[in-house]
Amino acid sequence: MKSKIKLILGNPKLIFQILFTFFIIFLFKLGSALPLPFIPKEFKLLKILGLIDAAPSKLFGLGIYPYITASIVVQFLQKLLPICREWKEQGQIGKRKLNLLTRALALLFVFGQTFGMIQKTSDSLAVCFLIPLIAAAGCAILIWFADLINSQGIGNGTSILIMASMSNNLIDSLKEIKQNYYDNLFTNNFDPKLLTQFILIILVLLLFLIVTVIVQITSLKIPVQYARNQSPSKSNSYIPFKINTAGVMPVILANALMQPFKMLIP
């Protein structure tokens, strides 16, 4: 452990990459706390009541998820549209075109998603167009942040921003558990039933965590047999097949497909 710490401290470039990544995360958290201007009061009320949750009330309210949805859509288009298939086969030039298409679709998704929600609570056409434009600009900034992490920071920029956005929901959930259960357990009105519920919640969360890790790392090893003779000392080769090959992509795609229906609900 000490040798690893010395290795990190002795590498100025690595230290810069780590600090730069944390700086981008700080900017992301800062933008996630900035409210969008001209938000109607009715929209804020519906947001508090939980009747709408698809459009942002903050600058980075939608996070990087529209970009991920656009990436999945572009992957489907490569199978369906001949021009996208040609771009895929053009090397770096085609990759650049597909990247531009992905970013354009991401901004379009943010604009349409936000417009569909704002127009329900505002009669002003200027507000209905201005707020989605600002939200789309916020998404463009996040895509730029992800590119900066890829080039100057550590790790995959998109994955790091997803983790940063998910941490908000995790912290809120932990605060709610602490407020509803933990704080009440140490008051004068001790309730054994409340203690049982608190223990069950912790056990269920740990169970979900263990199952997720097991499913993620478990793989089926298919042995490979060669026609030529091999010495017994050589280890057998195998092809690993993961149980969960798709990861969370099906969930993200299903959520993206549900967004247009949410916008159509009056």
C-alpha atoms as a PDB file:
ATOM      1  CA  MET A   1       0.000   0.000   0.000  1.00  0.00           C
ATOM      2  CA  LYS A   2       2.808   2.400   0.906  1.00  0.00           C
ATOM      3  CA  SER A   3       4.613   1.609  -2.333  1.00  0.00           C
ATOM      4  CA  LYS A   4       1.487   2.465  -4.340  1.00  0.00           C
ATOM      5  CA  ILE A   5       1.097   5.772  -2.500  1.00  0.00           C
ATOM      6  CA  LYS A   6       4.749   6.615  -3.147  1.00  0.00           C
ATOM      7  CA  LEU A   7       4.274   5.704  -6.802  1.00  0.00           C
ATOM      8  CA  ILE A   8       1.310   8.087  -7.089  1.00  0.00           C
ATOM      9  CA  LEU A   9       3.020  10.925  -5.203  1.00  0.00           C
ATOM     10  CA  GLY A  10       6.118  10.522  -7.342  1.00  0.00           C
ATOM     11  CA  ASN A  11       4.173  10.970 -10.573  1.00  0.00           C
ATOM     12  CA  PRO A  12       3.233  14.651 -11.073  1.00  0.00           C
ATOM     13  CA  LYS A  13       1.263  13.866 -14.227  1.00  0.00           C
ATOM     14  CA  LEU A  14      -0.900  11.333 -12.388  1.00  0.00           C
ATOM     15  CA  ILE A  15      -1.519  13.787  -9.540  1.00  0.00           C
ATOM     16  CA  PHE A  16      -2.592  16.433 -12.060  1.00  0.00           C
ATOM     17  CA  GLN A  17      -4.993  13.975 -13.738  1.00  0.00           C
ATOM     18  CA  ILE A  18      -6.571  13.035 -10.391  1.00  0.00           C
ATOM     19  CA  LEU A  19      -6.968  16.661  -9.287  1.00  0.00           C
ATOM     20  CA  PHE A  20      -8.323  17.647 -12.703  1.00  0.00           C
ATOM     21  CA  THR A  21     -10.943  14.882 -12.544  1.00  0.00           C
ATOM     22  CA  PHE A  22     -12.070  16.013  -9.084  1.00  0.00           C
ATOM     23  CA  PHE A  23     -12.219  19.599 -10.344  1.00  0.00           C
ATOM     24  CA  ILE A  24     -14.564  18.577 -13.183  1.00  0.00           C
ATOM     25  CA  ILE A  25     -16.729  16.664 -10.687  1.00  0.00           C
ATOM     26  CA  PHE A  26     -16.849  19.810  -8.517  1.00  0.00           C
ATOM     27  CA  LEU A  27     -17.998  21.873 -11.513  1.00  0.00           C
ATOM     28  CA  PHE A  28     -20.637  19.233 -12.262  1.00  0.00           C
ATOM     29  CA  LYS A  29     -21.950  19.386  -8.689  1.00  0.00           C
ATOM     30  CA  LEU A  30     -21.948  23.179  -8.856  1.00  0.00           C
ATOM     31  CA  GLY A  31     -23.938  23.186 -12.099  1.00  0.00           C
ATOM     32  CA  SER A  32     -26.350  20.609 -10.678  1.00  0.00           C
ATOM     33  CA  ALA A  33     -27.253  23.104  -7.943  1.00  0.00           C
ATOM     34  CA  LEU A  34     -27.841  26.056 -10.299  1.00  0.00           C
ATOM     35  CA  PRO A  35     -31.579  26.489 -11.049  1.00  0.00           C
ATOM     36  CA  LEU A  36     -32.755  27.234 -14.550  1.00  0.00           C
ATOM     37  CA  PRO A  37     -34.178  30.752 -15.012  1.00  0.00           C
ATOM     38  CA  PHE A  38     -37.840  31.485 -15.729  1.00  0.00           C
ATOM     39  CA  ILE A  39     -39.058  28.163 -14.301  1.00  0.00           C
ATOM     40  CA  PRO A  40     -42.850  28.466 -13.768  1.00  0.00           C
ATOM     41  CA  LYS A  41     -44.124  28.079 -10.210  1.00  0.00           C
ATOM     42  CA  GLU A  42     -46.556  25.413 -11.368  1.00  0.00           C
ATOM     43  CA  PHE A  43     -43.645  23.345 -12.683  1.00  0.00           C
ATOM     44  CA  LYS A  44     -41.844  23.586  -9.338  1.00  0.00           C
ATOM     45  CA  LEU A  45     -45.001  22.454  -7.547  1.00  0.00           C
ATOM     46  CA  LEU A  46     -45.437  19.448  -9.836  1.00  0.00           C
ATOM     47  CA  LYS A  47     -41.750  18.637  -9.346  1.00  0.00           C
ATOM     48  CA  ILE A  48     -42.152  18.678  -5.562  1.00  0.00           C
ATOM     49  CA  LEU A  49     -45.249  16.489  -5.732  1.00  0.00           C
ATOM     50  CA  GLY A  50     -43.370  14.011  -7.916  1.00  0.00           C
ATOM     51  CA  LEU A  51     -45.856  14.253 -10.773  1.00  0.00           C
ATOM     52  CA  ILE A  52     -43.090  15.098 -13.253  1.00  0.00           C
ATOM     53  CA  ASP A  53     -39.468  14.037 -13.041  1.00  0.00           C
ATOM     54  CA  ALA A  54     -38.203  13.883 -16.610  1.00  0.00           C
ATOM     55  CA  ALA A  55     -37.311  17.532 -17.222  1.00  0.00           C
ATOM     56  CA  PRO A  56     -34.623  19.388 -15.309  1.00  0.00           C
ATOM     57  CA  SER A  57     -35.119  22.301 -12.959  1.00  0.00           C
ATOM     58  CA  LYS A  58     -31.326  22.657 -12.644  1.00  0.00           C
ATOM     59  CA  LEU A  59     -28.684  23.423 -15.265  1.00  0.00           C
ATOM     60  CA  PHE A  60     -27.336  19.852 -15.253  1.00  0.00           C
ATOM     61  CA  GLY A  61     -30.645  18.326 -14.176  1.00  0.00           C
ATOM     62  CA  LEU A  62     -30.719  15.649 -16.886  1.00  0.00           C
ATOM     63  CA  GLY A  63     -27.059  14.760 -16.442  1.00  0.00           C
ATOM     64  CA  ILE A  64     -25.197  12.882 -19.150  1.00  0.00           C
ATOM     65  CA  TYR A  65     -28.038  10.395 -19.730  1.00  0.00           C
ATOM     66  CA  PRO A  66     -29.338  11.993 -22.980  1.00  0.00           C
ATOM     67  CA  TYR A  67     -25.885  11.472 -24.501  1.00  0.00           C
ATOM     68  CA  ILE A  68     -25.958   7.790 -23.519  1.00  0.00           C
ATOM     69  CA  THR A  69     -29.436   7.435 -25.004  1.00  0.00           C
ATOM     70  CA  ALA A  70     -28.251   9.085 -28.217  1.00  0.00           C
ATOM     71  CA  SER A  71     -25.275   6.695 -28.352  1.00  0.00           C
ATOM     72  CA  ILE A  72     -27.614   3.706 -28.156  1.00  0.00           C
ATOM     73  CA  VAL A  73     -29.862   5.168 -30.867  1.00  0.00           C
ATOM     74  CA  VAL A  74     -26.862   5.741 -33.154  1.00  0.00           C
ATOM     75  CA  GLN A  75     -25.797   2.126 -32.657  1.00  0.00           C
ATOM     76  CA  PHE A  76     -29.243   1.026 -33.828  1.00  0.00           C
ATOM     77  CA  LEU A  77     -29.072   3.414 -36.794  1.00  0.00           C
ATOM     78  CA  GLN A  78     -25.817   1.793 -37.900  1.00  0.00           C
ATOM     79  CA  LYS A  79     -27.798  -1.410 -38.426  1.00  0.00           C
ATOM     80  CA  LEU A  80     -30.817   0.239 -40.064  1.00  0.00           C
ATOM     81  CA  LEU A  81     -29.586   3.160 -42.205  1.00  0.00           C
ATOM     82  CA  PRO A  82     -27.112   2.580 -45.062  1.00  0.00           C
ATOM     83  CA  ILE A  83     -25.460   5.986 -44.622  1.00  0.00           C
ATOM     84  CA  CYS A  84     -24.701   5.283 -40.951  1.00  0.00           C
ATOM     85  CA  ARG A  85     -23.349   1.885 -41.971  1.00  0.00           C
ATOM     86  CA  GLU A  86     -21.057   3.605 -44.472  1.00  0.00           C
ATOM     87  CA  TRP A  87     -19.830   6.042 -41.827  1.00  0.00           C
ATOM     88  CA  LYS A  88     -18.995   3.114 -39.569  1.00  0.00           C
ATOM     89  CA  GLU A  89     -16.751   1.658 -42.284  1.00  0.00           C
ATOM     90  CA  GLN A  90     -14.953   4.949 -43.066  1.00  0.00           C
ATOM     91  CA  GLY A  91     -12.511   4.773 -40.160  1.00  0.00           C
ATOM     92  CA  GLN A  92     -11.705   7.931 -38.203  1.00  0.00           C
ATOM     93  CA  ILE A  93     -13.637  10.212 -40.564  1.00  0.00           C
ATOM     94  CA  GLY A  94     -16.787   8.136 -40.212  1.00  0.00           C
ATOM     95  CA  LYS A  95     -16.268   7.874 -36.457  1.00  0.00           C
ATOM     96  CA  ARG A  96     -16.135  11.670 -36.267  1.00  0.00           C
ATOM     97  CA  LYS A  97     -19.396  11.924 -38.226  1.00  0.00           C
ATOM     98  CA  LEU A  98     -21.113   9.405 -35.950  1.00  0.00           C
ATOM     99  CA  ASN A  99     -19.835  11.309 -32.926  1.00  0.00           C
ATOM    100  CA  LEU A 100     -21.312  14.559 -34.250  1.00  0.00           C
ATOM    101  CA  LEU A 101     -24.611  12.784 -34.955  1.00  0.00           C
ATOM    102  CA  THR A 102     -24.648  11.407 -31.404  1.00  0.00           C
ATOM    103  CA  ARG A 103     -24.105  14.843 -29.891  1.00  0.00           C
ATOM    104  CA  ALA A 104     -26.750  16.439 -32.100  1.00  0.00           C
ATOM    105  CA  LEU A 105     -29.285  13.774 -31.101  1.00  0.00           C
ATOM    106  CA  ALA A 106     -28.412  14.248 -27.425  1.00  0.00           C
ATOM    107  CA  LEU A 107     -29.107  17.982 -27.624  1.00  0.00           C
ATOM    108  CA  LEU A 108     -32.317  17.296 -29.558  1.00  0.00           C
ATOM    109  CA  PHE A 109     -33.458  14.830 -26.881  1.00  0.00           C
ATOM    110  CA  VAL A 110     -32.799  17.356 -24.109  1.00  0.00           C
ATOM    111  CA  PHE A 111     -34.640  20.110 -25.966  1.00  0.00           C
ATOM    112  CA  GLY A 112     -37.672  17.947 -26.770  1.00  0.00           C
ATOM    113  CA  GLN A 113     -37.825  16.381 -23.321  1.00  0.00           C
ATOM    114  CA  THR A 114     -37.659  19.728 -21.527  1.00  0.00           C
ATOM    115  CA  PHE A 115     -40.029  21.456 -23.964  1.00  0.00           C
ATOM    116  CA  GLY A 116     -42.620  18.712 -23.518  1.00  0.00           C
ATOM    117  CA  MET A 117     -42.678  19.299 -19.771  1.00  0.00           C
ATOM    118  CA  ILE A 118     -42.387  23.089 -19.652  1.00  0.00           C
ATOM    119  CA  GLN A 119     -45.187  23.712 -22.154  1.00  0.00           C
ATOM    120  CA  LYS A 120     -47.630  22.033 -19.752  1.00  0.00           C
ATOM    121  CA  THR A 121     -47.052  24.680 -17.088  1.00  0.00           C
ATOM    122  CA  SER A 122     -46.277  27.842 -19.094  1.00  0.00           C
ATOM    123  CA  ASP A 123     -48.295  29.751 -21.687  1.00  0.00           C
ATOM    124  CA  SER A 124     -45.326  31.866 -22.788  1.00  0.00           C
ATOM    125  CA  LEU A 125     -43.849  30.632 -26.062  1.00  0.00           C
ATOM    126  CA  ALA A 126     -40.559  32.429 -25.339  1.00  0.00           C
ATOM    127  CA  VAL A 127     -40.180  30.632 -22.001  1.00  0.00           C
ATOM    128  CA  CYS A 128     -41.070  27.292 -23.603  1.00  0.00           C
ATOM    129  CA  PHE A 129     -38.175  27.716 -26.048  1.00  0.00           C
ATOM    130  CA  LEU A 130     -35.669  29.516 -23.804  1.00  0.00           C
ATOM    131  CA  ILE A 131     -35.609  26.975 -20.964  1.00  0.00           C
ATOM    132  CA  PRO A 132     -35.052  23.963 -23.284  1.00  0.00           C
ATOM    133  CA  LEU A 133     -32.248  25.868 -25.034  1.00  0.00           C
ATOM    134  CA  ILE A 134     -30.523  26.502 -21.696  1.00  0.00           C
ATOM    135  CA  ALA A 135     -30.998  22.849 -20.701  1.00  0.00           C
ATOM    136  CA  ALA A 136     -29.499  21.758 -24.038  1.00  0.00           C
ATOM    137  CA  ALA A 137     -26.545  24.080 -23.407  1.00  0.00           C
ATOM    138  CA  GLY A 138     -26.072  22.413 -20.021  1.00  0.00           C
ATOM    139  CA  CYS A 139     -26.001  18.987 -21.669  1.00  0.00           C
ATOM    140  CA  ALA A 140     -23.447  20.266 -24.209  1.00  0.00           C
ATOM    141  CA  ILE A 141     -21.250  21.468 -21.335  1.00  0.00           C
ATOM    142  CA  LEU A 142     -21.456  18.022 -19.714  1.00  0.00           C
ATOM    143  CA  ILE A 143     -20.421  16.338 -22.961  1.00  0.00           C
ATOM    144  CA  TRP A 144     -17.467  18.729 -23.081  1.00  0.00           C
ATOM    145  CA  PHE A 145     -16.631  17.858 -19.455  1.00  0.00           C
ATOM    146  CA  ALA A 146     -16.638  14.151 -20.371  1.00  0.00           C
ATOM    147  CA  ASP A 147     -14.237  14.821 -23.249  1.00  0.00           C
ATOM    148  CA  LEU A 148     -11.954  16.807 -20.931  1.00  0.00           C
ATOM    149  CA  ILE A 149     -11.813  13.914 -18.467  1.00  0.00           C
ATOM    150  CA  ASN A 150     -11.036  11.501 -21.302  1.00  0.00           C
ATOM    151  CA  SER A 151      -8.143  13.647 -22.522  1.00  0.00           C
ATOM    152  CA  GLN A 152      -6.791  15.264 -19.341  1.00  0.00           C
ATOM    153  CA  GLY A 153      -8.191  13.252 -16.434  1.00  0.00           C
ATOM    154  CA  ILE A 154      -8.441   9.653 -15.264  1.00  0.00           C
ATOM    155  CA  GLY A 155     -10.962   7.085 -16.414  1.00  0.00           C
ATOM    156  CA  ASN A 156     -13.912   7.331 -18.758  1.00  0.00           C
ATOM    157  CA  GLY A 157     -15.510  10.762 -18.571  1.00  0.00           C
ATOM    158  CA  THR A 158     -19.049   9.543 -19.249  1.00  0.00           C
ATOM    159  CA  SER A 159     -18.862   6.852 -16.554  1.00  0.00           C
ATOM    160  CA  ILE A 160     -17.451   9.288 -13.989  1.00  0.00           C
ATOM    161  CA  LEU A 161     -20.236  11.815 -14.629  1.00  0.00           C
ATOM    162  CA  ILE A 162     -22.838   9.040 -14.360  1.00  0.00           C
ATOM    163  CA  MET A 163     -21.348   8.027 -11.010  1.00  0.00           C
ATOM    164  CA  ALA A 164     -21.378  11.652  -9.855  1.00  0.00           C
ATOM    165  CA  SER A 165     -25.039  12.089 -10.814  1.00  0.00           C
ATOM    166  CA  MET A 166     -26.050   8.786  -9.205  1.00  0.00           C
ATOM    167  CA  SER A 167     -24.328   9.809  -5.972  1.00  0.00           C
ATOM    168  CA  ASN A 168     -26.941  12.559  -5.536  1.00  0.00           C
ATOM    169  CA  ASN A 169     -29.779  10.024  -5.437  1.00  0.00           C
ATOM    170  CA  LEU A 170     -27.761   7.732  -3.161  1.00  0.00           C
ATOM    171  CA  ILE A 171     -27.042  10.519  -0.683  1.00  0.00           C
ATOM    172  CA  ASP A 172     -30.710  11.578  -0.662  1.00  0.00           C
ATOM    173  CA  SER A 173     -31.795   7.979  -0.019  1.00  0.00           C
ATOM    174  CA  LEU A 174     -29.318   7.581   2.851  1.00  0.00           C
ATOM    175  CA  LYS A 175     -30.489  10.872   4.371  1.00  0.00           C
ATOM    176  CA  GLU A 176     -34.100   9.702   4.180  1.00  0.00           C
ATOM    177  CA  ILE A 177     -33.244   6.388   5.848  1.00  0.00           C
ATOM    178  CA  LYS A 178     -31.327   8.207   8.585  1.00  0.00           C
ATOM    179  CA  GLN A 179     -34.161  10.663   9.162  1.00  0.00           C
ATOM    180  CA  ASN A 180     -36.965   8.104   9.186  1.00  0.00           C
ATOM    181  CA  TYR A 181     -35.275   5.266  11.060  1.00  0.00           C
ATOM    182  CA  TYR A 182     -31.856   5.972  12.561  1.00  0.00           C
ATOM    183  CA  ASP A 183     -32.772   9.234  14.310  1.00  0.00           C
ATOM    184  CA  ASN A 184     -35.981   7.797  15.728  1.00  0.00           C
ATOM    185  CA  LEU A 185     -34.213   4.751  17.155  1.00  0.00           C
ATOM    186  CA  PHE A 186     -32.199   6.905  19.569  1.00  0.00           C
ATOM    187  CA  THR A 187     -35.117   8.895  20.935  1.00  0.00           C
ATOM    188  CA  ASN A 188     -37.080   8.150  24.081  1.00  0.00           C
ATOM    189  CA  ASN A 189     -39.837   6.483  22.065  1.00  0.00           C
ATOM    190  CA  PHE A 190     -37.893   3.363  21.166  1.00  0.00           C
ATOM    191  CA  ASP A 191     -39.881   1.140  18.811  1.00  0.00           C
ATOM    192  CA  PRO A 192     -38.713  -2.478  18.269  1.00  0.00           C
ATOM    193  CA  LYS A 193     -40.753  -2.640  15.073  1.00  0.00           C
ATOM    194  CA  LEU A 194     -38.856   0.359  13.706  1.00  0.00           C
ATOM    195  CA  LEU A 195     -35.555  -1.336  14.561  1.00  0.00           C
ATOM    196  CA  THR A 196     -36.638  -4.456  12.693  1.00  0.00           C
ATOM    197  CA  GLN A 197     -37.543  -2.421   9.618  1.00  0.00           C
ATOM    198  CA  PHE A 198     -34.197  -0.600   9.746  1.00  0.00           C
ATOM    199  CA  ILE A 199     -32.245  -3.881   9.941  1.00  0.00           C
ATOM    200  CA  LEU A 200     -34.271  -5.374   7.078  1.00  0.00           C
ATOM    201  CA  ILE A 201     -33.572  -2.345   4.863  1.00  0.00           C
ATOM    202  CA  ILE A 202     -29.822  -2.591   5.531  1.00  0.00           C
ATOM    203  CA  LEU A 203     -29.829  -6.346   4.825  1.00  0.00           C
ATOM    204  CA  VAL A 204     -31.767  -5.901   1.582  1.00  0.00           C
ATOM    205  CA  LEU A 205     -29.357  -3.196   0.406  1.00  0.00           C
ATOM    206  CA  LEU A 206     -26.371  -5.422   1.201  1.00  0.00           C
ATOM    207  CA  LEU A 207     -28.047  -8.337  -0.585  1.00  0.00           C
ATOM    208  CA  PHE A 208     -28.612  -6.244  -3.713  1.00  0.00           C
ATOM    209  CA  LEU A 209     -24.983  -5.110  -3.609  1.00  0.00           C
ATOM    210  CA  ILE A 210     -23.664  -8.675  -3.271  1.00  0.00           C
ATOM    211  CA  VAL A 211     -25.911 -10.015  -6.049  1.00  0.00           C
ATOM    212  CA  THR A 212     -24.908  -7.149  -8.361  1.00  0.00           C
ATOM    213  CA  VAL A 213     -21.200  -7.811  -7.812  1.00  0.00           C
ATOM    214  CA  ILE A 214     -21.623 -11.569  -8.318  1.00  0.00           C
ATOM    215  CA  VAL A 215     -23.597 -11.130 -11.544  1.00  0.00           C
ATOM    216  CA  GLN A 216     -21.076  -8.588 -12.822  1.00  0.00           C
ATOM    217  CA  ILE A 217     -17.935 -10.678 -12.224  1.00  0.00           C
ATOM    218  CA  THR A 218     -19.317 -14.169 -12.875  1.00  0.00           C
ATOM    219  CA  SER A 219     -18.529 -15.666 -16.259  1.00  0.00           C
ATOM    220  CA  LEU A 220     -18.891 -19.038 -17.934  1.00  0.00           C
ATOM    221  CA  LYS A 221     -15.555 -20.414 -19.101  1.00  0.00           C
ATOM    222  CA  ILE A 222     -15.826 -22.360 -22.362  1.00  0.00           C
ATOM    223  CA  PRO A 223     -12.687 -24.497 -22.804  1.00  0.00           C
ATOM    224  CA  VAL A 224     -10.859 -24.316 -26.116  1.00  0.00           C
ATOM    225  CA  GLN A 225      -9.422 -27.544 -27.515  1.00  0.00           C
ATOM    226  CA  TYR A 226      -6.626 -27.343 -30.082  1.00  0.00           C
ATOM    227  CA  ALA A 227      -5.929 -29.977 -32.704  1.00  0.00           C
ATOM    228  CA  ARG A 228      -2.173 -29.932 -32.143  1.00  0.00           C
ATOM    229  CA  ASN A 229      -0.603 -31.687 -29.203  1.00  0.00           C
ATOM    230  CA  GLN A 230       0.031 -29.596 -26.127  1.00  0.00           C
ATOM    231  CA  SER A 231       2.345 -30.243 -23.228  1.00  0.00           C
ATOM    232  CA  PRO A 232       0.608 -30.994 -19.910  1.00  0.00           C
ATOM    233  CA  SER A 233       2.383 -28.048 -18.279  1.00  0.00           C
ATOM    234  CA  LYS A 234       0.520 -25.514 -20.400  1.00  0.00           C
ATOM    235  CA  SER A 235      -2.716 -24.171 -18.979  1.00  0.00           C
ATOM    236  CA  ASN A 236      -5.914 -24.783 -20.877  1.00  0.00           C
ATOM    237  CA  SER A 237      -7.320 -21.874 -22.861  1.00  0.00           C
ATOM    238  CA  TYR A 238     -10.919 -20.812 -22.506  1.00  0.00           C
ATOM    239  CA  ILE A 239     -13.395 -18.231 -23.793  1.00  0.00           C
ATOM    240  CA  PRO A 240     -15.151 -16.289 -21.002  1.00  0.00           C
ATOM    241  CA  PHE A 241     -18.867 -15.515 -21.400  1.00  0.00           C
ATOM    242  CA  LYS A 242     -20.263 -13.051 -18.888  1.00  0.00           C
ATOM    243  CA  ILE A 243     -23.708 -13.679 -17.444  1.00  0.00           C
ATOM    244  CA  ASN A 244     -24.701 -10.031 -17.792  1.00  0.00           C
ATOM    245  CA  THR A 245     -23.181  -9.072 -21.125  1.00  0.00           C
ATOM    246  CA  ALA A 246     -25.475  -6.101 -21.753  1.00  0.00           C
ATOM    247  CA  GLY A 247     -24.910  -4.420 -18.381  1.00  0.00           C
ATOM    248  CA  VAL A 248     -27.308  -1.557 -17.642  1.00  0.00           C
ATOM    249  CA  MET A 249     -27.839  -0.645 -21.298  1.00  0.00           C
ATOM    250  CA  PRO A 250     -31.282  -2.354 -21.564  1.00  0.00           C
ATOM    251  CA  VAL A 251     -32.501  -0.387 -18.534  1.00  0.00           C
ATOM    252  CA  ILE A 252     -31.200   2.883 -19.984  1.00  0.00           C
ATOM    253  CA  LEU A 253     -32.789   2.127 -23.364  1.00  0.00           C
ATOM    254  CA  ALA A 254     -36.140   1.215 -21.784  1.00  0.00           C
ATOM    255  CA  ASN A 255     -36.094   4.440 -19.771  1.00  0.00           C
ATOM    256  CA  ALA A 256     -35.313   6.427 -22.928  1.00  0.00           C
ATOM    257  CA  LEU A 257     -38.215   4.809 -24.783  1.00  0.00           C
ATOM    258  CA  MET A 258     -40.574   5.741 -21.939  1.00  0.00           C
ATOM    259  CA  GLN A 259     -39.727   9.452 -22.041  1.00  0.00           C
ATOM    260  CA  PRO A 260     -41.867  10.301 -25.137  1.00  0.00           C
ATOM    261  CA  PHE A 261     -44.898   8.682 -23.484  1.00  0.00           C
ATOM    262  CA  LYS A 262     -44.313  10.761 -20.330  1.00  0.00           C
ATOM    263  CA  MET A 263     -44.287  13.928 -22.428  1.00  0.00           C
ATOM    264  CA  LEU A 264     -47.580  12.968 -24.110  1.00  0.00           C
ATOM    265  CA  ILE A 265     -49.414  12.445 -20.813  1.00  0.00           C
ATOM    266  CA  PRO A 266     -51.492  15.579 -20.129  1.00  0.00           C
END
